[in-house]
C-alpha cells in the first residue's frame, strides 16, 4: 500500500509506524473452520443430521459440534493401518461402502446434509455419483462439496475436465478411472513415474494398464478451477442431468487455501 510521506520537522524523531504482522500461513485446522463457516450458512448443526463421506482423520463436524455419521470404502481399522494413523485419530466409520453399488442401497438412512471434502475429483462418473448423493438427502437437504482448485495443487498443469468428459463417462457408465487420467495423475504427482513416462514410455503404459485392471486405482479423475465446475454444474442442472437438485451456494477459492465450495439442495418435493 502507498503511504504519503510526512514533511520533515526539526523536532524529536517520531516512533516508527507499527508494521502489520505477516500473514499467518493457512493451517490444517483452518480448513475445518472454513468448511464449517460455509456449512452453517446452509444447515442447523444443533438440529440437523448429517453424513460425511471419506472424512478419514479430519471430520468436518466433530462430536459436540453436531450429529454427523461417517461413510468410507474402508473400515476405521483399515484406514489406520493403511495410512499409519493411530486408530483413535480416525473418524469412526459407520457405513462401509462398496464400489459399484448405489449408495442409497448401502445406506438406508436419509440425512439433512451430506459433506464431501476432496471426494468428487476421485469419482470416475460424477453425474451418477451426485444423483446418488441426492438420493441420500431428505427433501430440502444439502450436499456440500469442498473441491480442490487445480491451480493450487500438483494438478495445475493438467488439462481441465470438461462437460464433454463428464457426459462421455456418464454415457459409458464409467466405474473405474480412465487410463488417461491415471497416467496424467501419475505424471503430475509422482517424480519417479514422471521420469519413467519420459524415459520408458512402454513401461509406464504397462504400469498404468495394471492399475486399471486391478480395479483399485485411486486418482484424480477430474480437475477443475472453481468457475469451471460452477459452470458445469449449472449446465447439468439446466439440462436435467441432476433431477431434483439445484445449486444453492458457491464460494470461490480464497488465497492460501487449495479448495473451493459448492452446495446442492434437494428440492422440497424430493425426486
C-alpha atoms as a PDB file:
ATOM      1  CA  UNK A   1       0.000   0.000   0.000  1.00  0.00           C
ATOM      2  CA  UNK A   2       1.303   3.509  -0.857  1.00  0.00           C
ATOM      3  CA  UNK A   3       1.630   5.840   2.125  1.00  0.00           C
ATOM      4  CA  UNK A   4       2.114   9.615   1.992  1.00  0.00           C
ATOM      5  CA  UNK A   5       5.460  10.823   3.299  1.00  0.00           C
ATOM      6  CA  UNK A   6       5.233  13.299   6.183  1.00  0.00           C
ATOM      7  CA  UNK A   7       7.277  16.504   5.968  1.00  0.00           C
ATOM      8  CA  UNK A   8      10.471  16.517   7.965  1.00  0.00           C
ATOM      9  CA  UNK A   9      10.359  18.611  11.127  1.00  0.00           C
ATOM     10  CA  UNK A  10      13.171  19.858  13.369  1.00  0.00           C
ATOM     11  CA  UNK A  11      11.780  18.027  16.369  1.00  0.00           C
ATOM     12  CA  UNK A  12      12.384  14.746  18.125  1.00  0.00           C
ATOM     13  CA  UNK A  13      12.055  11.740  15.834  1.00  0.00           C
ATOM     14  CA  UNK A  14       8.599  10.192  15.812  1.00  0.00           C
ATOM     15  CA  UNK A  15       8.315   6.478  16.616  1.00  0.00           C
ATOM     16  CA  UNK A  16       8.222   4.304  13.530  1.00  0.00           C
ATOM     17  CA  UNK A  17       4.777   3.257  12.400  1.00  0.00           C
ATOM     18  CA  UNK A  18       3.909  -0.233  13.536  1.00  0.00           C
ATOM     19  CA  UNK A  19       4.316  -2.736  10.726  1.00  0.00           C
ATOM     20  CA  UNK A  20       1.412  -5.096  10.080  1.00  0.00           C
ATOM     21  CA  UNK A  21       2.037  -8.629  11.280  1.00  0.00           C
ATOM     22  CA  UNK A  22       2.949 -11.029   8.475  1.00  0.00           C
ATOM     23  CA  UNK A  23       0.023 -13.065   7.253  1.00  0.00           C
ATOM     24  CA  UNK A  24      -0.144 -16.425   9.010  1.00  0.00           C
ATOM     25  CA  UNK A  25       0.115 -19.464   6.712  1.00  0.00           C
ATOM     26  CA  UNK A  26      -3.087 -21.471   6.413  1.00  0.00           C
ATOM     27  CA  UNK A  27      -3.037 -24.372   8.877  1.00  0.00           C
ATOM     28  CA  UNK A  28      -4.930 -27.645   8.630  1.00  0.00           C
ATOM     29  CA  UNK A  29      -7.481 -26.619  11.249  1.00  0.00           C
ATOM     30  CA  UNK A  30      -8.254 -23.512   9.195  1.00  0.00           C
ATOM     31  CA  UNK A  31      -9.825 -25.793   6.588  1.00  0.00           C
ATOM     32  CA  UNK A  32     -12.279 -27.160   9.136  1.00  0.00           C
ATOM     33  CA  UNK A  33     -13.115 -23.623  10.258  1.00  0.00           C
ATOM     34  CA  UNK A  34     -13.716 -22.527   6.674  1.00  0.00           C
ATOM     35  CA  UNK A  35     -15.856 -25.573   5.870  1.00  0.00           C
ATOM     36  CA  UNK A  36     -17.962 -25.115   8.989  1.00  0.00           C
ATOM     37  CA  UNK A  37     -18.490 -21.462   8.172  1.00  0.00           C
ATOM     38  CA  UNK A  38     -19.926 -22.403   4.790  1.00  0.00           C
ATOM     39  CA  UNK A  39     -21.970 -25.273   6.236  1.00  0.00           C
ATOM     40  CA  UNK A  40     -23.509 -23.139   8.999  1.00  0.00           C
ATOM     41  CA  UNK A  41     -24.936 -20.816   6.344  1.00  0.00           C
ATOM     42  CA  UNK A  42     -26.903 -23.762   4.964  1.00  0.00           C
ATOM     43  CA  UNK A  43     -27.914 -26.060   7.832  1.00  0.00           C
ATOM     44  CA  UNK A  44     -28.617 -26.068  11.569  1.00  0.00           C
ATOM     45  CA  UNK A  45     -25.841 -28.115  13.127  1.00  0.00           C
ATOM     46  CA  UNK A  46     -27.572 -28.153  16.508  1.00  0.00           C
ATOM     47  CA  UNK A  47     -30.605 -29.849  14.987  1.00  0.00           C
ATOM     48  CA  UNK A  48     -29.845 -31.423  11.612  1.00  0.00           C
ATOM     49  CA  UNK A  49     -28.438 -34.894  10.978  1.00  0.00           C
ATOM     50  CA  UNK A  50     -25.555 -35.306   8.577  1.00  0.00           C
ATOM     51  CA  UNK A  51     -23.257 -37.737   6.800  1.00  0.00           C
ATOM     52  CA  UNK A  52     -19.660 -37.180   5.715  1.00  0.00           C
ATOM     53  CA  UNK A  53     -18.096 -39.383   3.048  1.00  0.00           C
ATOM     54  CA  UNK A  54     -14.357 -40.014   3.305  1.00  0.00           C
ATOM     55  CA  UNK A  55     -13.615 -37.938   6.417  1.00  0.00           C
ATOM     56  CA  UNK A  56     -10.661 -40.168   7.452  1.00  0.00           C
ATOM     57  CA  UNK A  57      -8.909 -38.364  10.344  1.00  0.00           C
ATOM     58  CA  UNK A  58     -10.352 -34.898   9.676  1.00  0.00           C
ATOM     59  CA  UNK A  59     -14.134 -34.871  10.043  1.00  0.00           C
ATOM     60  CA  UNK A  60     -15.762 -31.526   9.354  1.00  0.00           C
ATOM     61  CA  UNK A  61     -18.406 -31.853  12.072  1.00  0.00           C
ATOM     62  CA  UNK A  62     -16.808 -33.192  15.233  1.00  0.00           C
ATOM     63  CA  UNK A  63     -18.693 -34.709  18.158  1.00  0.00           C
ATOM     64  CA  UNK A  64     -20.075 -31.887  20.248  1.00  0.00           C
ATOM     65  CA  UNK A  65     -20.466 -29.632  17.197  1.00  0.00           C
ATOM     66  CA  UNK A  66     -23.233 -31.620  15.535  1.00  0.00           C
ATOM     67  CA  UNK A  67     -24.526 -35.079  14.653  1.00  0.00           C
ATOM     68  CA  UNK A  68     -22.709 -36.420  11.619  1.00  0.00           C
ATOM     69  CA  UNK A  69     -22.101 -40.067  10.719  1.00  0.00           C
ATOM     70  CA  UNK A  70     -19.156 -41.241   8.619  1.00  0.00           C
ATOM     71  CA  UNK A  71     -19.101 -43.382   5.463  1.00  0.00           C
ATOM     72  CA  UNK A  72     -15.997 -44.748   3.753  1.00  0.00           C
ATOM     73  CA  UNK A  73     -14.852 -47.538   1.460  1.00  0.00           C
ATOM     74  CA  UNK A  74     -12.580 -48.833   4.255  1.00  0.00           C
ATOM     75  CA  UNK A  75     -13.150 -49.510   7.934  1.00  0.00           C
ATOM     76  CA  UNK A  76     -11.556 -47.273  10.553  1.00  0.00           C
ATOM     77  CA  UNK A  77      -9.116 -50.068  11.356  1.00  0.00           C
ATOM     78  CA  UNK A  78      -8.117 -50.476   7.707  1.00  0.00           C
ATOM     79  CA  UNK A  79      -7.576 -46.724   7.336  1.00  0.00           C
ATOM     80  CA  UNK A  80      -5.458 -46.668  10.476  1.00  0.00           C
ATOM     81  CA  UNK A  81      -3.202 -49.477   9.222  1.00  0.00           C
ATOM     82  CA  UNK A  82      -3.007 -48.256   5.622  1.00  0.00           C
ATOM     83  CA  UNK A  83      -2.005 -44.692   6.451  1.00  0.00           C
ATOM     84  CA  UNK A  84      -0.193 -45.354   9.767  1.00  0.00           C
ATOM     85  CA  UNK A  85      -2.514 -43.100  11.741  1.00  0.00           C
ATOM     86  CA  UNK A  86      -3.466 -44.013  15.338  1.00  0.00           C
ATOM     87  CA  UNK A  87      -6.911 -45.584  15.376  1.00  0.00           C
ATOM     88  CA  UNK A  88      -8.156 -43.080  17.946  1.00  0.00           C
ATOM     89  CA  UNK A  89      -7.466 -40.283  15.431  1.00  0.00           C
ATOM     90  CA  UNK A  90      -9.578 -41.871  12.686  1.00  0.00           C
ATOM     91  CA  UNK A  91     -13.229 -40.863  12.470  1.00  0.00           C
ATOM     92  CA  UNK A  92     -15.375 -43.932  13.296  1.00  0.00           C
ATOM     93  CA  UNK A  93     -16.781 -45.358  10.056  1.00  0.00           C
ATOM     94  CA  UNK A  94     -20.428 -46.340  10.468  1.00  0.00           C
ATOM     95  CA  UNK A  95     -21.274 -47.057   6.834  1.00  0.00           C
ATOM     96  CA  UNK A  96     -18.883 -49.235   4.824  1.00  0.00           C
ATOM     97  CA  UNK A  97     -19.252 -48.522   1.108  1.00  0.00           C
ATOM     98  CA  UNK A  98     -18.747 -50.967  -1.735  1.00  0.00           C
ATOM     99  CA  UNK A  99     -17.696 -49.756  -5.168  1.00  0.00           C
ATOM    100  CA  UNK A 100     -20.279 -50.211  -7.889  1.00  0.00           C
ATOM    101  CA  UNK A 101     -23.353 -50.385  -5.629  1.00  0.00           C
ATOM    102  CA  UNK A 102     -25.756 -47.422  -5.372  1.00  0.00           C
ATOM    103  CA  UNK A 103     -25.188 -45.500  -2.167  1.00  0.00           C
ATOM    104  CA  UNK A 104     -28.855 -45.495  -1.231  1.00  0.00           C
ATOM    105  CA  UNK A 105     -28.834 -49.314  -1.233  1.00  0.00           C
ATOM    106  CA  UNK A 106     -25.935 -49.332   1.213  1.00  0.00           C
ATOM    107  CA  UNK A 107     -27.090 -46.526   3.490  1.00  0.00           C
ATOM    108  CA  UNK A 108     -30.800 -46.906   4.319  1.00  0.00           C
ATOM    109  CA  UNK A 109     -30.921 -43.636   6.288  1.00  0.00           C
ATOM    110  CA  UNK A 110     -31.629 -40.172   4.875  1.00  0.00           C
ATOM    111  CA  UNK A 111     -29.877 -37.010   6.008  1.00  0.00           C
ATOM    112  CA  UNK A 112     -30.317 -33.253   6.235  1.00  0.00           C
ATOM    113  CA  UNK A 113     -26.847 -32.749   4.822  1.00  0.00           C
ATOM    114  CA  UNK A 114     -24.011 -34.721   3.235  1.00  0.00           C
ATOM    115  CA  UNK A 115     -20.412 -33.473   3.238  1.00  0.00           C
ATOM    116  CA  UNK A 116     -17.893 -34.423   0.546  1.00  0.00           C
ATOM    117  CA  UNK A 117     -14.426 -32.948   1.054  1.00  0.00           C
ATOM    118  CA  UNK A 118     -11.913 -33.765  -1.694  1.00  0.00           C
ATOM    119  CA  UNK A 119     -14.080 -36.632  -2.928  1.00  0.00           C
ATOM    120  CA  UNK A 120     -15.594 -35.535  -6.246  1.00  0.00           C
ATOM    121  CA  UNK A 121     -12.217 -35.322  -8.004  1.00  0.00           C
ATOM    122  CA  UNK A 122     -11.705 -39.056  -7.343  1.00  0.00           C
ATOM    123  CA  UNK A 123     -15.061 -40.122  -8.805  1.00  0.00           C
ATOM    124  CA  UNK A 124     -14.942 -41.642 -12.327  1.00  0.00           C
ATOM    125  CA  UNK A 125     -18.587 -40.775 -13.060  1.00  0.00           C
ATOM    126  CA  UNK A 126     -19.594 -37.606 -11.173  1.00  0.00           C
ATOM    127  CA  UNK A 127     -23.097 -37.286 -12.666  1.00  0.00           C
ATOM    128  CA  UNK A 128     -24.268 -40.657 -11.364  1.00  0.00           C
ATOM    129  CA  UNK A 129     -22.463 -40.068  -8.075  1.00  0.00           C
ATOM    130  CA  UNK A 130     -24.132 -36.698  -7.445  1.00  0.00           C
ATOM    131  CA  UNK A 131     -27.517 -38.223  -8.161  1.00  0.00           C
ATOM    132  CA  UNK A 132     -26.741 -40.970  -5.646  1.00  0.00           C
ATOM    133  CA  UNK A 133     -25.781 -38.326  -3.082  1.00  0.00           C
ATOM    134  CA  UNK A 134     -29.061 -36.555  -3.806  1.00  0.00           C
ATOM    135  CA  UNK A 135     -30.926 -39.775  -3.051  1.00  0.00           C
ATOM    136  CA  UNK A 136     -29.413 -39.744   0.456  1.00  0.00           C
ATOM    137  CA  UNK A 137     -30.850 -36.305   1.210  1.00  0.00           C
ATOM    138  CA  UNK A 138     -34.152 -35.541   2.821  1.00  0.00           C
ATOM    139  CA  UNK A 139     -36.294 -33.027   0.923  1.00  0.00           C
ATOM    140  CA  UNK A 140     -34.582 -29.659   1.268  1.00  0.00           C
ATOM    141  CA  UNK A 141     -31.315 -31.374   2.261  1.00  0.00           C
ATOM    142  CA  UNK A 142     -27.885 -30.017   1.358  1.00  0.00           C
ATOM    143  CA  UNK A 143     -24.828 -31.640  -0.246  1.00  0.00           C
ATOM    144  CA  UNK A 144     -21.718 -29.576   0.476  1.00  0.00           C
ATOM    145  CA  UNK A 145     -18.693 -30.202  -1.740  1.00  0.00           C
ATOM    146  CA  UNK A 146     -15.185 -28.980  -0.954  1.00  0.00           C
ATOM    147  CA  UNK A 147     -13.221 -29.462  -4.180  1.00  0.00           C
ATOM    148  CA  UNK A 148      -9.516 -28.755  -4.786  1.00  0.00           C
ATOM    149  CA  UNK A 149      -8.813 -25.933  -7.218  1.00  0.00           C
ATOM    150  CA  UNK A 150      -6.300 -27.424  -9.636  1.00  0.00           C
ATOM    151  CA  UNK A 151      -4.309 -24.156  -9.675  1.00  0.00           C
ATOM    152  CA  UNK A 152      -3.390 -24.761  -6.017  1.00  0.00           C
ATOM    153  CA  UNK A 153      -2.256 -28.389  -6.419  1.00  0.00           C
ATOM    154  CA  UNK A 154       0.132 -30.552  -8.425  1.00  0.00           C
ATOM    155  CA  UNK A 155      -2.716 -30.894 -10.957  1.00  0.00           C
ATOM    156  CA  UNK A 156      -2.113 -27.319 -12.130  1.00  0.00           C
ATOM    157  CA  UNK A 157      -0.505 -28.401 -15.418  1.00  0.00           C
ATOM    158  CA  UNK A 158      -3.202 -30.960 -16.279  1.00  0.00           C
ATOM    159  CA  UNK A 159      -5.971 -30.176 -18.769  1.00  0.00           C
ATOM    160  CA  UNK A 160      -9.211 -29.294 -17.012  1.00  0.00           C
ATOM    161  CA  UNK A 161     -12.104 -31.731 -17.014  1.00  0.00           C
ATOM    162  CA  UNK A 162     -14.781 -30.539 -19.447  1.00  0.00           C
ATOM    163  CA  UNK A 163     -18.535 -31.041 -19.589  1.00  0.00           C
ATOM    164  CA  UNK A 164     -17.911 -33.348 -22.560  1.00  0.00           C
ATOM    165  CA  UNK A 165     -15.688 -35.577 -20.428  1.00  0.00           C
ATOM    166  CA  UNK A 166     -18.413 -35.809 -17.783  1.00  0.00           C
ATOM    167  CA  UNK A 167     -21.123 -36.630 -20.304  1.00  0.00           C
ATOM    168  CA  UNK A 168     -18.987 -39.217 -22.100  1.00  0.00           C
ATOM    169  CA  UNK A 169     -18.276 -41.069 -18.869  1.00  0.00           C
ATOM    170  CA  UNK A 170     -21.930 -40.797 -17.922  1.00  0.00           C
ATOM    171  CA  UNK A 171     -22.920 -42.336 -21.268  1.00  0.00           C
ATOM    172  CA  UNK A 172     -20.487 -45.234 -20.825  1.00  0.00           C
ATOM    173  CA  UNK A 173     -21.363 -45.737 -17.159  1.00  0.00           C
ATOM    174  CA  UNK A 174     -17.724 -45.445 -16.080  1.00  0.00           C
ATOM    175  CA  UNK A 175     -16.910 -47.263 -12.847  1.00  0.00           C
ATOM    176  CA  UNK A 176     -13.104 -47.028 -12.885  1.00  0.00           C
ATOM    177  CA  UNK A 177     -10.695 -44.143 -13.536  1.00  0.00           C
ATOM    178  CA  UNK A 178      -9.946 -43.730 -17.248  1.00  0.00           C
ATOM    179  CA  UNK A 179      -6.467 -44.781 -18.357  1.00  0.00           C
ATOM    180  CA  UNK A 180      -5.633 -41.238 -19.478  1.00  0.00           C
ATOM    181  CA  UNK A 181      -6.436 -39.814 -16.039  1.00  0.00           C
ATOM    182  CA  UNK A 182      -4.301 -42.450 -14.317  1.00  0.00           C
ATOM    183  CA  UNK A 183      -1.330 -41.519 -16.495  1.00  0.00           C
ATOM    184  CA  UNK A 184      -1.898 -37.762 -16.148  1.00  0.00           C
ATOM    185  CA  UNK A 185      -2.218 -38.038 -12.383  1.00  0.00           C
ATOM    186  CA  UNK A 186       0.949 -40.141 -12.109  1.00  0.00           C
ATOM    187  CA  UNK A 187       2.999 -37.652 -14.110  1.00  0.00           C
ATOM    188  CA  UNK A 188       1.709 -34.728 -12.056  1.00  0.00           C
ATOM    189  CA  UNK A 189       2.121 -36.192  -8.585  1.00  0.00           C
ATOM    190  CA  UNK A 190       4.956 -38.746  -8.706  1.00  0.00           C
ATOM    191  CA  UNK A 191       8.500 -37.785  -9.700  1.00  0.00           C
ATOM    192  CA  UNK A 192       9.608 -41.374 -10.305  1.00  0.00           C
ATOM    193  CA  UNK A 193       6.654 -42.152 -12.569  1.00  0.00           C
ATOM    194  CA  UNK A 194       7.127 -38.882 -14.422  1.00  0.00           C
ATOM    195  CA  UNK A 195      10.696 -39.944 -15.154  1.00  0.00           C
ATOM    196  CA  UNK A 196       9.543 -43.412 -16.240  1.00  0.00           C
ATOM    197  CA  UNK A 197       6.966 -41.860 -18.566  1.00  0.00           C
ATOM    198  CA  UNK A 198       9.656 -39.766 -20.217  1.00  0.00           C
ATOM    199  CA  UNK A 199      12.355 -42.425 -20.452  1.00  0.00           C
ATOM    200  CA  UNK A 200      10.435 -45.713 -20.667  1.00  0.00           C
ATOM    201  CA  UNK A 201       7.013 -44.903 -22.140  1.00  0.00           C
ATOM    202  CA  UNK A 202       6.075 -48.532 -22.791  1.00  0.00           C
ATOM    203  CA  UNK A 203       6.909 -49.482 -19.198  1.00  0.00           C
ATOM    204  CA  UNK A 204       4.864 -46.517 -17.961  1.00  0.00           C
ATOM    205  CA  UNK A 205       1.922 -47.536 -20.150  1.00  0.00           C
ATOM    206  CA  UNK A 206       2.107 -51.118 -18.843  1.00  0.00           C
ATOM    207  CA  UNK A 207       2.095 -49.820 -15.265  1.00  0.00           C
ATOM    208  CA  UNK A 208      -0.988 -47.699 -15.956  1.00  0.00           C
ATOM    209  CA  UNK A 209      -2.814 -50.640 -17.568  1.00  0.00           C
ATOM    210  CA  UNK A 210      -2.113 -52.734 -14.467  1.00  0.00           C
ATOM    211  CA  UNK A 211      -3.682 -50.002 -12.355  1.00  0.00           C
ATOM    212  CA  UNK A 212      -6.834 -50.066 -14.483  1.00  0.00           C
ATOM    213  CA  UNK A 213      -7.065 -53.842 -14.402  1.00  0.00           C
ATOM    214  CA  UNK A 214      -6.530 -54.011 -10.635  1.00  0.00           C
ATOM    215  CA  UNK A 215      -9.880 -52.329 -10.014  1.00  0.00           C
ATOM    216  CA  UNK A 216      -8.297 -50.373  -7.144  1.00  0.00           C
ATOM    217  CA  UNK A 217      -6.875 -47.327  -8.908  1.00  0.00           C
ATOM    218  CA  UNK A 218      -7.485 -44.135  -6.922  1.00  0.00           C
ATOM    219  CA  UNK A 219      -6.510 -40.956  -8.752  1.00  0.00           C
ATOM    220  CA  UNK A 220      -7.849 -37.526  -9.517  1.00  0.00           C
ATOM    221  CA  UNK A 221     -10.165 -38.366 -12.402  1.00  0.00           C
ATOM    222  CA  UNK A 222     -11.385 -34.765 -12.502  1.00  0.00           C
ATOM    223  CA  UNK A 223      -9.518 -31.476 -12.162  1.00  0.00           C
ATOM    224  CA  UNK A 224     -11.157 -28.050 -12.199  1.00  0.00           C
ATOM    225  CA  UNK A 225     -10.726 -24.410 -11.451  1.00  0.00           C
ATOM    226  CA  UNK A 226     -13.597 -23.160  -9.315  1.00  0.00           C
ATOM    227  CA  UNK A 227     -15.507 -21.318 -12.045  1.00  0.00           C
ATOM    228  CA  UNK A 228     -15.182 -24.309 -14.395  1.00  0.00           C
ATOM    229  CA  UNK A 229     -17.032 -26.666 -12.066  1.00  0.00           C
ATOM    230  CA  UNK A 230     -19.586 -23.991 -11.198  1.00  0.00           C
ATOM    231  CA  UNK A 231     -20.445 -23.590 -14.894  1.00  0.00           C
ATOM    232  CA  UNK A 232     -20.599 -27.345 -15.488  1.00  0.00           C
ATOM    233  CA  UNK A 233     -22.934 -27.926 -12.560  1.00  0.00           C
ATOM    234  CA  UNK A 234     -25.201 -25.163 -13.873  1.00  0.00           C
ATOM    235  CA  UNK A 235     -25.316 -26.917 -17.253  1.00  0.00           C
ATOM    236  CA  UNK A 236     -26.029 -30.306 -15.669  1.00  0.00           C
ATOM    237  CA  UNK A 237     -28.872 -28.895 -13.582  1.00  0.00           C
ATOM    238  CA  UNK A 238     -30.347 -26.968 -16.510  1.00  0.00           C
ATOM    239  CA  UNK A 239     -30.017 -29.990 -18.777  1.00  0.00           C
ATOM    240  CA  UNK A 240     -31.915 -32.282 -16.419  1.00  0.00           C
ATOM    241  CA  UNK A 241     -28.926 -34.497 -15.590  1.00  0.00           C
ATOM    242  CA  UNK A 242     -29.327 -33.831 -11.849  1.00  0.00           C
ATOM    243  CA  UNK A 243     -33.111 -34.085 -11.383  1.00  0.00           C
ATOM    244  CA  UNK A 244     -34.375 -32.708  -8.098  1.00  0.00           C
ATOM    245  CA  UNK A 245     -31.090 -30.923  -7.346  1.00  0.00           C
ATOM    246  CA  UNK A 246     -30.175 -27.259  -7.630  1.00  0.00           C
ATOM    247  CA  UNK A 247     -27.033 -25.267  -6.937  1.00  0.00           C
ATOM    248  CA  UNK A 248     -27.772 -23.208  -3.825  1.00  0.00           C
ATOM    249  CA  UNK A 249     -24.349 -21.824  -2.839  1.00  0.00           C
ATOM    250  CA  UNK A 250     -20.852 -21.424  -4.200  1.00  0.00           C
ATOM    251  CA  UNK A 251     -17.658 -19.913  -2.832  1.00  0.00           C
ATOM    252  CA  UNK A 252     -14.592 -19.360  -4.964  1.00  0.00           C
ATOM    253  CA  UNK A 253     -11.079 -20.342  -3.949  1.00  0.00           C
ATOM    254  CA  UNK A 254      -9.561 -17.956  -1.417  1.00  0.00           C
ATOM    255  CA  UNK A 255      -5.869 -17.189  -1.211  1.00  0.00           C
ATOM    256  CA  UNK A 256      -3.909 -19.609   0.904  1.00  0.00           C
ATOM    257  CA  UNK A 257      -6.455 -22.423   0.661  1.00  0.00           C
ATOM    258  CA  UNK A 258      -6.388 -25.128  -2.015  1.00  0.00           C
ATOM    259  CA  UNK A 259     -10.158 -25.698  -2.279  1.00  0.00           C
ATOM    260  CA  UNK A 260     -13.454 -24.075  -3.182  1.00  0.00           C
ATOM    261  CA  UNK A 261     -17.045 -24.852  -2.195  1.00  0.00           C
ATOM    262  CA  UNK A 262     -20.318 -25.556  -3.915  1.00  0.00           C
ATOM    263  CA  UNK A 263     -23.589 -26.781  -2.427  1.00  0.00           C
ATOM    264  CA  UNK A 264     -26.527 -28.603  -3.984  1.00  0.00           C
ATOM    265  CA  UNK A 265     -30.017 -28.660  -2.486  1.00  0.00           C
ATOM    266  CA  UNK A 266     -32.607 -31.379  -2.971  1.00  0.00           C
ATOM    267  CA  UNK A 267     -35.969 -29.923  -3.894  1.00  0.00           C
ATOM    268  CA  UNK A 268     -38.547 -29.787  -1.128  1.00  0.00           C
ATOM    269  CA  UNK A 269     -40.770 -32.122  -3.143  1.00  0.00           C
ATOM    270  CA  UNK A 270     -37.975 -34.703  -3.392  1.00  0.00           C
ATOM    271  CA  UNK A 271     -37.037 -36.578  -6.544  1.00  0.00           C
END
